[in-house]
N, C-alpha and C. Protein backbone atom coordinates (compact mmCIF):
# COMPACT_ATOMS: atom_id res chain seq x y z
N MET A 1 195.72 88.47 146.62
CA MET A 1 194.51 88.26 145.81
C MET A 1 193.36 87.70 146.41
N SER A 2 193.51 86.82 147.45
CA SER A 2 192.51 86.24 148.04
C SER A 2 191.62 87.45 149.05
N ALA A 3 192.48 88.56 149.54
CA ALA A 3 191.83 89.46 150.15
C ALA A 3 190.80 90.38 149.26
N ARG A 4 191.35 90.58 148.05
CA ARG A 4 190.49 91.32 147.20
C ARG A 4 189.33 90.49 146.65
N ILE A 5 189.37 89.22 146.47
CA ILE A 5 188.24 88.34 146.15
C ILE A 5 187.26 88.49 147.34
N SER A 6 187.71 88.09 148.55
CA SER A 6 186.82 88.16 149.58
C SER A 6 186.27 89.50 149.91
N ARG A 7 186.83 90.63 149.52
CA ARG A 7 186.28 91.84 149.76
C ARG A 7 185.22 91.96 148.55
N ILE A 8 185.43 91.57 147.34
CA ILE A 8 184.51 91.62 146.33
C ILE A 8 183.09 90.87 146.67
N LEU A 9 183.49 89.49 147.00
CA LEU A 9 182.49 88.59 147.51
C LEU A 9 181.63 89.19 148.57
N GLY A 10 182.32 89.91 149.58
CA GLY A 10 181.63 90.45 150.82
C GLY A 10 180.61 91.66 150.37
N LEU A 11 181.15 92.46 149.39
CA LEU A 11 180.41 93.58 148.84
C LEU A 11 179.34 93.08 147.93
N LEU A 12 179.69 92.03 147.17
CA LEU A 12 178.24 91.54 146.55
C LEU A 12 177.20 90.93 147.33
N ILE A 13 177.79 90.27 148.39
CA ILE A 13 176.83 89.95 149.42
C ILE A 13 175.80 90.76 150.05
N VAL A 14 176.60 92.06 150.53
CA VAL A 14 175.74 92.99 151.11
C VAL A 14 174.93 93.74 150.01
N SER A 15 175.46 93.81 148.79
CA SER A 15 174.36 94.48 147.85
C SER A 15 173.17 93.53 147.60
N MET A 16 173.60 92.34 147.30
CA MET A 16 172.30 91.48 147.08
C MET A 16 171.32 91.55 148.36
N THR A 17 172.04 91.50 149.36
CA THR A 17 170.99 91.55 150.45
C THR A 17 170.25 92.88 150.66
N ALA A 18 170.84 93.87 150.57
CA ALA A 18 170.27 95.24 150.30
C ALA A 18 169.16 95.29 149.25
N ALA A 19 169.54 94.65 148.10
CA ALA A 19 168.70 94.77 147.02
C ALA A 19 167.24 93.94 147.17
N THR A 20 167.60 92.95 147.94
CA THR A 20 166.26 92.18 148.51
C THR A 20 165.45 92.71 149.55
N ILE A 21 166.04 93.29 150.66
CA ILE A 21 165.47 93.78 151.72
C ILE A 21 164.92 95.22 151.34
N TRP A 22 165.54 95.96 150.91
CA TRP A 22 165.42 97.51 150.76
C TRP A 22 163.76 97.80 150.25
N PRO A 23 163.58 97.03 148.96
CA PRO A 23 162.15 97.25 148.61
C PRO A 23 161.07 97.14 149.53
N GLN A 24 161.22 95.86 150.21
CA GLN A 24 160.22 95.66 151.19
C GLN A 24 160.33 96.58 152.34
N ALA A 25 161.21 96.88 152.89
CA ALA A 25 161.43 98.02 153.81
C ALA A 25 160.79 99.31 153.56
N VAL A 26 161.07 99.78 152.41
CA VAL A 26 160.52 100.93 151.79
C VAL A 26 159.00 100.72 151.71
N ALA A 27 158.37 99.73 151.16
CA ALA A 27 157.10 99.55 150.91
C ALA A 27 156.45 99.43 152.30
N ALA A 28 156.94 98.85 153.34
CA ALA A 28 156.40 98.77 154.71
C ALA A 28 156.38 99.97 155.33
N GLN A 29 157.49 100.74 155.05
CA GLN A 29 157.65 102.21 155.73
C GLN A 29 156.61 103.06 155.15
N SER A 30 156.61 103.07 153.79
CA SER A 30 155.47 103.96 153.09
C SER A 30 154.02 103.60 153.28
N ASP A 31 153.79 102.34 153.39
CA ASP A 31 152.44 101.86 153.79
C ASP A 31 152.13 102.25 155.20
N ALA A 32 153.25 102.28 156.22
CA ALA A 32 152.97 102.61 157.51
C ALA A 32 152.67 104.10 157.94
N THR A 33 153.13 104.89 156.88
CA THR A 33 153.12 106.27 157.18
C THR A 33 151.66 106.96 156.50
N LYS A 34 151.01 106.07 155.72
CA LYS A 34 149.85 106.45 155.35
C LYS A 34 148.77 106.53 156.24
N GLN A 35 147.89 107.56 156.57
CA GLN A 35 146.87 107.48 157.43
C GLN A 35 145.44 107.29 157.19
N HIS A 36 145.27 106.99 155.84
CA HIS A 36 143.82 106.94 155.44
C HIS A 36 143.66 105.42 154.90
N GLU A 37 142.56 104.76 154.98
CA GLU A 37 142.04 103.74 154.51
C GLU A 37 140.81 103.82 153.93
N VAL A 38 140.54 103.03 152.97
CA VAL A 38 139.16 102.72 152.42
C VAL A 38 139.04 101.28 152.01
N ASP A 39 137.88 100.70 152.24
CA ASP A 39 137.76 99.23 151.97
C ASP A 39 136.39 98.97 151.79
N PHE A 40 136.19 98.02 150.81
CA PHE A 40 134.89 97.37 150.68
C PHE A 40 134.69 96.11 150.99
N PHE A 41 133.73 95.42 151.44
CA PHE A 41 133.73 94.17 152.05
C PHE A 41 132.50 93.32 151.60
N LEU A 42 132.64 92.28 151.54
CA LEU A 42 131.57 91.53 151.23
C LEU A 42 131.76 90.13 152.51
N GLY A 43 130.50 89.60 152.69
CA GLY A 43 130.58 88.48 153.68
C GLY A 43 129.17 87.90 154.04
N GLY A 44 129.18 87.50 155.07
CA GLY A 44 128.02 86.94 155.65
C GLY A 44 127.69 87.46 157.28
N LEU A 45 126.39 87.64 157.54
CA LEU A 45 126.21 87.80 158.90
C LEU A 45 125.01 86.55 159.31
N TYR A 46 125.52 85.79 160.21
CA TYR A 46 124.94 84.53 160.54
C TYR A 46 124.26 84.86 161.93
N THR A 47 122.82 85.11 161.80
CA THR A 47 122.02 85.52 163.21
C THR A 47 121.94 84.09 163.89
N GLN A 48 121.83 84.36 165.14
CA GLN A 48 121.22 83.32 166.23
C GLN A 48 119.79 83.02 165.69
N ASN A 49 119.45 81.64 166.00
CA ASN A 49 118.15 81.08 165.86
C ASN A 49 116.88 81.82 166.64
N LYS A 50 117.17 82.26 167.78
CA LYS A 50 116.07 82.95 168.36
C LYS A 50 115.85 84.36 167.77
N LEU A 51 116.44 84.81 166.93
CA LEU A 51 116.06 86.04 166.17
C LEU A 51 115.34 85.65 164.89
N PRO A 52 114.38 86.22 164.56
CA PRO A 52 113.64 85.83 163.56
C PRO A 52 113.97 86.17 162.17
N LEU A 53 115.13 86.69 161.99
CA LEU A 53 115.79 87.12 160.64
C LEU A 53 116.76 85.99 160.39
N ASN A 54 116.77 85.49 159.00
CA ASN A 54 117.74 84.56 158.56
C ASN A 54 118.55 85.41 157.60
N ALA A 55 119.55 86.18 158.50
CA ALA A 55 120.34 86.99 157.55
C ALA A 55 121.27 86.26 156.82
N GLY A 56 121.81 86.80 155.74
CA GLY A 56 122.84 86.11 155.05
C GLY A 56 123.77 87.17 154.44
N PHE A 57 123.80 87.42 153.35
CA PHE A 57 124.86 88.34 152.53
C PHE A 57 125.06 89.48 153.14
N ASN A 58 126.05 90.04 153.42
CA ASN A 58 126.49 91.32 154.00
C ASN A 58 127.57 91.83 153.19
N SER A 59 127.22 93.42 152.79
CA SER A 59 128.35 94.10 152.09
C SER A 59 128.16 95.61 152.65
N GLY A 60 129.47 96.31 152.32
CA GLY A 60 129.38 97.54 152.99
C GLY A 60 130.90 98.31 152.78
N PHE A 61 131.09 99.27 153.62
CA PHE A 61 132.14 100.22 153.25
C PHE A 61 132.70 100.65 154.39
N ARG A 62 134.08 100.84 154.58
CA ARG A 62 134.83 101.40 155.81
C ARG A 62 135.61 102.45 155.19
N TYR A 63 135.77 103.47 156.33
CA TYR A 63 137.04 104.54 156.23
C TYR A 63 137.58 104.30 157.32
N ALA A 64 138.69 104.37 157.28
CA ALA A 64 139.68 104.38 158.64
C ALA A 64 140.64 105.49 158.79
N TYR A 65 141.01 105.99 159.81
CA TYR A 65 141.89 107.05 159.97
C TYR A 65 143.01 106.56 161.02
N GLY A 66 144.40 106.65 160.66
CA GLY A 66 145.53 106.16 161.62
C GLY A 66 145.48 107.14 162.76
N VAL A 67 145.17 106.88 163.74
CA VAL A 67 145.12 108.06 165.00
C VAL A 67 146.49 107.95 165.52
N PHE A 68 147.10 106.73 165.96
CA PHE A 68 148.35 106.69 166.42
C PHE A 68 148.83 105.39 165.57
N GLN A 69 150.24 105.18 165.84
CA GLN A 69 150.93 104.03 165.00
C GLN A 69 150.25 102.80 164.93
N ASP A 70 149.55 102.24 165.94
CA ASP A 70 148.81 100.95 165.99
C ASP A 70 147.40 100.99 165.96
N PHE A 71 146.97 102.29 166.15
CA PHE A 71 145.49 102.32 166.39
C PHE A 71 144.84 103.01 165.21
N TRP A 72 143.72 102.56 164.89
CA TRP A 72 142.96 103.08 163.54
C TRP A 72 141.54 103.36 164.38
N LEU A 73 141.01 104.53 163.74
CA LEU A 73 139.55 104.87 163.90
C LEU A 73 138.82 104.42 162.71
N GLU A 74 137.79 103.68 162.84
CA GLU A 74 137.07 103.09 161.71
C GLU A 74 135.43 103.72 161.66
N PHE A 75 135.03 104.05 160.43
CA PHE A 75 133.74 104.27 160.31
C PHE A 75 133.17 103.39 159.39
N GLU A 76 131.96 102.43 159.72
CA GLU A 76 131.47 101.40 158.86
C GLU A 76 130.34 101.71 158.62
N THR A 77 129.71 101.17 157.37
CA THR A 77 128.31 101.01 157.24
C THR A 77 128.09 99.87 156.29
N GLY A 78 126.91 99.28 156.42
CA GLY A 78 126.64 98.14 155.50
C GLY A 78 125.32 97.53 155.58
N LEU A 79 125.05 96.73 154.83
CA LEU A 79 123.63 96.12 154.29
C LEU A 79 123.82 94.66 154.47
N THR A 80 122.61 94.03 155.10
CA THR A 80 122.69 92.66 155.14
C THR A 80 121.26 92.11 154.67
N PHE A 81 121.11 91.48 153.62
CA PHE A 81 119.86 90.88 153.01
C PHE A 81 119.33 89.73 153.92
N THR A 82 118.18 90.05 154.46
CA THR A 82 117.59 89.00 155.19
C THR A 82 116.73 88.04 154.38
N ASN A 83 116.68 86.90 154.70
CA ASN A 83 115.75 85.99 153.83
C ASN A 83 114.97 85.01 154.57
N ASP A 84 113.80 85.56 154.85
CA ASP A 84 112.67 84.78 155.61
C ASP A 84 111.53 84.75 154.89
N ALA A 85 110.43 83.83 154.91
CA ALA A 85 109.34 84.02 154.20
C ALA A 85 108.49 85.22 155.01
N GLU A 86 108.55 85.40 156.20
CA GLU A 86 107.64 86.35 156.70
C GLU A 86 108.40 87.73 156.90
N THR A 87 109.79 87.83 157.06
CA THR A 87 110.43 88.91 157.41
C THR A 87 111.64 89.41 156.26
N ASP A 88 111.29 88.99 155.05
CA ASP A 88 112.31 89.46 154.12
C ASP A 88 112.49 91.05 154.04
N GLY A 89 113.78 91.34 154.29
CA GLY A 89 113.90 92.90 154.36
C GLY A 89 115.46 93.03 154.46
N LEU A 90 115.79 94.31 154.61
CA LEU A 90 117.14 94.68 155.01
C LEU A 90 117.48 95.17 156.44
N LEU A 91 118.67 94.70 156.60
CA LEU A 91 119.33 94.84 158.05
C LEU A 91 120.43 95.97 157.85
N GLY A 92 120.30 97.23 158.14
CA GLY A 92 121.32 98.16 157.82
C GLY A 92 122.04 98.41 159.25
N HIS A 93 123.34 98.75 159.05
CA HIS A 93 124.24 98.83 160.30
C HIS A 93 125.27 99.98 160.07
N ALA A 94 125.56 100.81 161.01
CA ALA A 94 126.56 101.73 161.14
C ALA A 94 127.19 101.69 162.47
N GLN A 95 128.50 101.62 162.38
CA GLN A 95 129.19 101.86 163.69
C GLN A 95 130.49 102.46 163.51
N VAL A 96 131.03 102.85 164.74
CA VAL A 96 132.45 103.59 164.85
C VAL A 96 133.22 102.38 165.78
N GLN A 97 134.29 102.22 165.19
CA GLN A 97 135.36 101.18 165.71
C GLN A 97 136.56 101.55 165.97
N VAL A 98 137.22 100.90 166.81
CA VAL A 98 138.72 101.06 167.01
C VAL A 98 139.42 99.74 166.81
N ARG A 99 140.48 99.96 165.85
CA ARG A 99 141.31 98.88 165.59
C ARG A 99 142.56 99.03 165.96
N TRP A 100 143.17 97.80 166.66
CA TRP A 100 144.46 98.06 167.26
C TRP A 100 145.34 96.79 166.75
N HIS A 101 146.31 97.19 166.09
CA HIS A 101 147.34 96.36 165.43
C HIS A 101 148.68 95.81 166.44
N PRO A 102 148.49 94.87 167.19
CA PRO A 102 149.58 94.58 168.26
C PRO A 102 150.64 94.00 167.73
N LEU A 103 150.82 93.38 166.60
CA LEU A 103 151.82 92.56 165.95
C LEU A 103 152.36 93.07 164.67
N ARG A 104 152.86 94.29 164.61
CA ARG A 104 153.26 94.95 163.37
C ARG A 104 154.40 94.13 162.88
N SER A 105 155.34 93.40 163.70
CA SER A 105 156.48 92.63 163.20
C SER A 105 156.18 91.60 162.43
N LEU A 106 154.85 90.98 162.17
CA LEU A 106 154.62 89.97 161.29
C LEU A 106 154.30 90.59 159.86
N TRP A 107 154.56 91.71 159.73
CA TRP A 107 154.44 92.30 158.12
C TRP A 107 154.99 91.33 157.12
N PRO A 108 154.20 90.95 156.02
CA PRO A 108 153.09 91.90 155.66
C PRO A 108 151.79 91.30 155.98
N ALA A 109 151.74 90.31 156.78
CA ALA A 109 150.41 89.82 157.62
C ALA A 109 150.30 90.79 158.87
N ASP A 110 149.22 91.53 158.91
CA ASP A 110 149.12 92.50 159.96
C ASP A 110 147.93 92.41 160.73
N PRO A 111 147.85 91.36 161.83
CA PRO A 111 146.69 91.00 162.68
C PRO A 111 146.09 92.17 163.29
N PHE A 112 144.84 92.08 163.77
CA PHE A 112 144.20 93.24 164.61
C PHE A 112 143.13 92.74 165.44
N LEU A 113 142.74 93.49 166.43
CA LEU A 113 141.68 93.39 167.29
C LEU A 113 140.75 94.59 166.98
N LEU A 114 139.48 94.47 167.34
CA LEU A 114 138.52 95.34 166.84
C LEU A 114 137.66 95.51 167.85
N VAL A 115 137.04 96.67 168.35
CA VAL A 115 135.91 96.82 169.16
C VAL A 115 135.20 98.21 168.55
N GLY A 116 133.78 98.12 168.94
CA GLY A 116 133.01 99.24 168.31
C GLY A 116 131.57 99.18 168.80
N ALA A 117 130.88 100.37 168.40
CA ALA A 117 129.51 100.48 168.82
C ALA A 117 128.82 101.27 167.69
N GLY A 118 127.57 101.10 167.59
CA GLY A 118 126.68 101.84 166.48
C GLY A 118 125.39 101.47 166.59
N ALA A 119 124.65 101.50 165.48
CA ALA A 119 123.14 101.02 165.52
C ALA A 119 122.84 100.22 164.23
N ALA A 120 121.85 99.55 164.38
CA ALA A 120 121.31 98.73 163.28
C ALA A 120 119.89 99.00 163.05
N GLY A 121 119.57 99.00 161.93
CA GLY A 121 117.98 99.08 161.68
C GLY A 121 117.63 98.10 160.75
N TYR A 122 116.16 97.58 160.96
CA TYR A 122 115.78 96.57 160.17
C TYR A 122 114.41 96.99 159.52
N ASN A 123 114.36 96.76 158.42
CA ASN A 123 113.01 97.35 157.55
C ASN A 123 112.51 96.10 156.83
N ALA A 124 111.24 95.84 156.76
CA ALA A 124 110.46 94.81 156.04
C ALA A 124 109.07 95.28 156.01
N VAL A 125 108.40 94.64 155.35
CA VAL A 125 107.07 94.81 155.14
C VAL A 125 106.20 94.49 156.37
N SER A 126 106.72 93.48 157.21
CA SER A 126 106.13 93.14 158.62
C SER A 126 106.50 93.92 159.87
N ALA A 127 107.70 94.52 159.73
CA ALA A 127 108.56 95.09 160.88
C ALA A 127 109.40 96.19 160.64
N SER A 128 109.46 97.17 161.47
CA SER A 128 110.49 98.05 161.15
C SER A 128 111.08 98.41 162.63
N GLU A 129 112.44 98.20 162.85
CA GLU A 129 113.03 98.41 164.15
C GLU A 129 114.37 98.82 164.20
N SER A 130 115.08 99.37 165.13
CA SER A 130 116.32 99.60 165.19
C SER A 130 116.79 99.55 166.77
N THR A 131 118.30 99.32 166.82
CA THR A 131 118.62 98.87 168.02
C THR A 131 120.24 99.39 168.09
N PRO A 132 120.72 99.53 169.49
CA PRO A 132 122.05 99.68 169.58
C PRO A 132 122.93 98.36 169.20
N VAL A 133 124.22 98.56 168.81
CA VAL A 133 125.00 97.64 168.29
C VAL A 133 126.21 97.58 169.07
N ILE A 134 127.00 96.52 169.40
CA ILE A 134 128.10 96.40 170.11
C ILE A 134 129.03 95.49 169.05
N VAL A 135 130.13 95.63 168.81
CA VAL A 135 131.09 94.73 167.76
C VAL A 135 132.42 94.49 168.53
N LEU A 136 132.66 93.24 168.38
CA LEU A 136 133.97 92.60 169.03
C LEU A 136 134.41 91.73 167.94
N GLY A 137 135.71 91.95 167.51
CA GLY A 137 136.17 90.95 166.43
C GLY A 137 137.76 91.06 166.46
N LEU A 138 138.29 90.25 165.42
CA LEU A 138 139.66 90.15 165.17
C LEU A 138 140.09 89.82 163.70
N GLY A 139 140.93 89.94 163.23
CA GLY A 139 141.23 89.77 161.89
C GLY A 139 142.60 89.93 161.43
N CYS A 140 143.08 90.06 160.01
CA CYS A 140 144.38 90.45 159.46
C CYS A 140 144.14 91.21 158.21
N GLU A 141 144.97 92.12 158.02
CA GLU A 141 145.16 92.66 156.81
C GLU A 141 146.47 92.16 156.19
N PHE A 142 146.23 91.67 154.81
CA PHE A 142 147.48 91.10 154.16
C PHE A 142 147.79 92.08 153.03
N HIS A 143 149.01 92.71 153.38
CA HIS A 143 149.64 93.61 152.21
C HIS A 143 150.43 92.91 151.25
N TRP A 144 149.84 93.28 149.95
CA TRP A 144 150.73 92.60 148.87
C TRP A 144 151.15 93.53 147.95
N LEU A 145 150.75 94.87 147.86
CA LEU A 145 151.29 95.92 147.21
C LEU A 145 151.42 97.12 147.86
N GLU A 146 152.18 97.97 147.65
CA GLU A 146 152.26 99.33 148.34
C GLU A 146 150.83 99.94 148.27
N GLY A 147 150.18 100.21 149.41
CA GLY A 147 148.79 101.01 149.60
C GLY A 147 147.82 100.05 149.32
N VAL A 148 148.03 98.81 148.99
CA VAL A 148 146.88 97.71 148.78
C VAL A 148 147.05 96.58 149.71
N ALA A 149 145.86 96.42 150.19
CA ALA A 149 145.91 95.06 151.40
C ALA A 149 144.63 94.42 150.93
N PHE A 150 144.52 93.06 151.71
CA PHE A 150 143.36 92.24 151.44
C PHE A 150 143.06 92.08 153.06
N ARG A 151 141.80 92.40 153.40
CA ARG A 151 141.33 92.15 154.73
C ARG A 151 140.57 91.09 155.01
N LEU A 152 140.79 90.33 155.93
CA LEU A 152 139.72 89.19 156.44
C LEU A 152 139.46 89.52 157.91
N ASP A 153 138.21 89.52 158.40
CA ASP A 153 137.84 89.74 159.72
C ASP A 153 136.51 88.88 160.09
N VAL A 154 136.61 88.59 161.37
CA VAL A 154 135.51 87.63 161.91
C VAL A 154 135.10 88.30 163.36
N GLY A 155 133.92 88.26 163.71
CA GLY A 155 133.58 88.84 164.97
C GLY A 155 132.27 88.69 165.32
N ASP A 156 131.65 89.30 166.57
CA ASP A 156 130.41 89.34 167.15
C ASP A 156 129.79 90.44 166.78
N ILE A 157 128.66 90.67 166.33
CA ILE A 157 127.75 91.68 166.16
C ILE A 157 126.57 91.59 167.31
N TRP A 158 126.64 92.18 168.41
CA TRP A 158 125.62 92.01 169.32
C TRP A 158 124.80 92.82 169.00
N LEU A 159 123.40 92.43 168.49
CA LEU A 159 122.33 93.39 168.44
C LEU A 159 121.53 93.30 169.74
N THR A 160 121.52 94.38 170.68
CA THR A 160 121.09 94.54 172.02
C THR A 160 119.62 94.33 172.15
N ASP A 161 118.75 94.79 171.17
CA ASP A 161 117.26 94.79 171.53
C ASP A 161 116.76 94.82 170.18
N MET A 162 116.65 93.74 169.23
CA MET A 162 116.28 93.64 167.82
C MET A 162 115.10 92.56 168.10
N LEU A 163 113.84 93.19 167.62
CA LEU A 163 112.65 92.54 167.78
C LEU A 163 112.42 91.68 169.00
N GLY A 164 112.66 92.49 170.02
CA GLY A 164 112.48 92.00 171.35
C GLY A 164 113.36 90.89 171.96
N GLU A 165 114.53 90.79 171.15
CA GLU A 165 115.58 89.75 171.48
C GLU A 165 117.10 90.63 171.55
N SER A 166 118.00 90.00 172.48
CA SER A 166 119.20 90.43 172.44
C SER A 166 119.94 89.07 171.81
N SER A 167 120.83 89.50 170.99
CA SER A 167 121.60 88.33 170.04
C SER A 167 122.82 88.73 169.86
N HIS A 168 123.71 87.65 169.87
CA HIS A 168 125.23 87.66 169.17
C HIS A 168 125.15 86.99 168.22
N ASN A 169 125.48 87.80 167.04
CA ASN A 169 125.50 87.02 165.84
C ASN A 169 126.84 87.16 165.16
N PHE A 170 127.22 86.02 164.45
CA PHE A 170 128.65 85.79 163.80
C PHE A 170 128.75 86.34 162.42
N ARG A 171 129.70 87.22 162.15
CA ARG A 171 129.96 87.87 161.04
C ARG A 171 131.44 87.59 160.67
N VAL A 172 131.48 87.39 159.14
CA VAL A 172 132.79 87.19 158.43
C VAL A 172 132.73 88.11 157.30
N SER A 173 133.84 88.77 157.04
CA SER A 173 133.90 89.60 156.01
C SER A 173 135.27 89.67 155.42
N TRP A 174 135.36 90.03 154.13
CA TRP A 174 136.74 90.02 153.57
C TRP A 174 136.70 91.17 152.34
N GLY A 175 137.75 91.70 151.84
CA GLY A 175 137.68 92.53 150.80
C GLY A 175 138.97 93.47 150.62
N PRO A 176 139.17 94.13 149.63
CA PRO A 176 140.33 95.06 149.37
C PRO A 176 140.29 96.11 150.32
N VAL A 177 141.63 96.53 150.66
CA VAL A 177 141.75 97.80 151.25
C VAL A 177 142.68 98.67 150.43
N PHE A 178 142.45 100.01 150.45
CA PHE A 178 143.33 100.98 149.76
C PHE A 178 143.64 101.86 150.65
N ARG A 179 145.08 102.05 150.92
CA ARG A 179 145.61 103.16 151.92
C ARG A 179 146.28 104.38 151.06
N PHE A 180 146.17 105.46 151.65
CA PHE A 180 146.55 106.79 151.01
C PHE A 180 146.93 107.76 152.14
């Protein structure tokens, strides 16, 4: 009788463990096989003091394609609303970025490193200028539903020659990510 009870208890433990782990494993696997991402972000771009723009609110859109298991190619575009008495205007940016996820084992938190290049353009009544941009950053995607995550990233947007100045500018952004 005790052998039968121990078999039943063992089967019960195995089935409860499988019922707990299986949905998470399936969600992780199905999310990992999706190769497209779309996300919308909000945040702030904080410019250096030597740059005559007092940039602030930043918003935009990203599309990413999973090239390899841990590497994504991103296309990003966004607008930053500058706020200065003389140089009130818009700072637009577009870049191509490579995102690398080195620690997939931390699922559902999925940290990444980011590097990219592109262009930024500034338009105001008093000035109009464009410059190459280099982007370095890091962040994390927090997967909370199948195909849906929340992304937070911070980084440096290097405006190489904006209004006669080269400047490193801190950016933070966050927003929802949809995988399909």
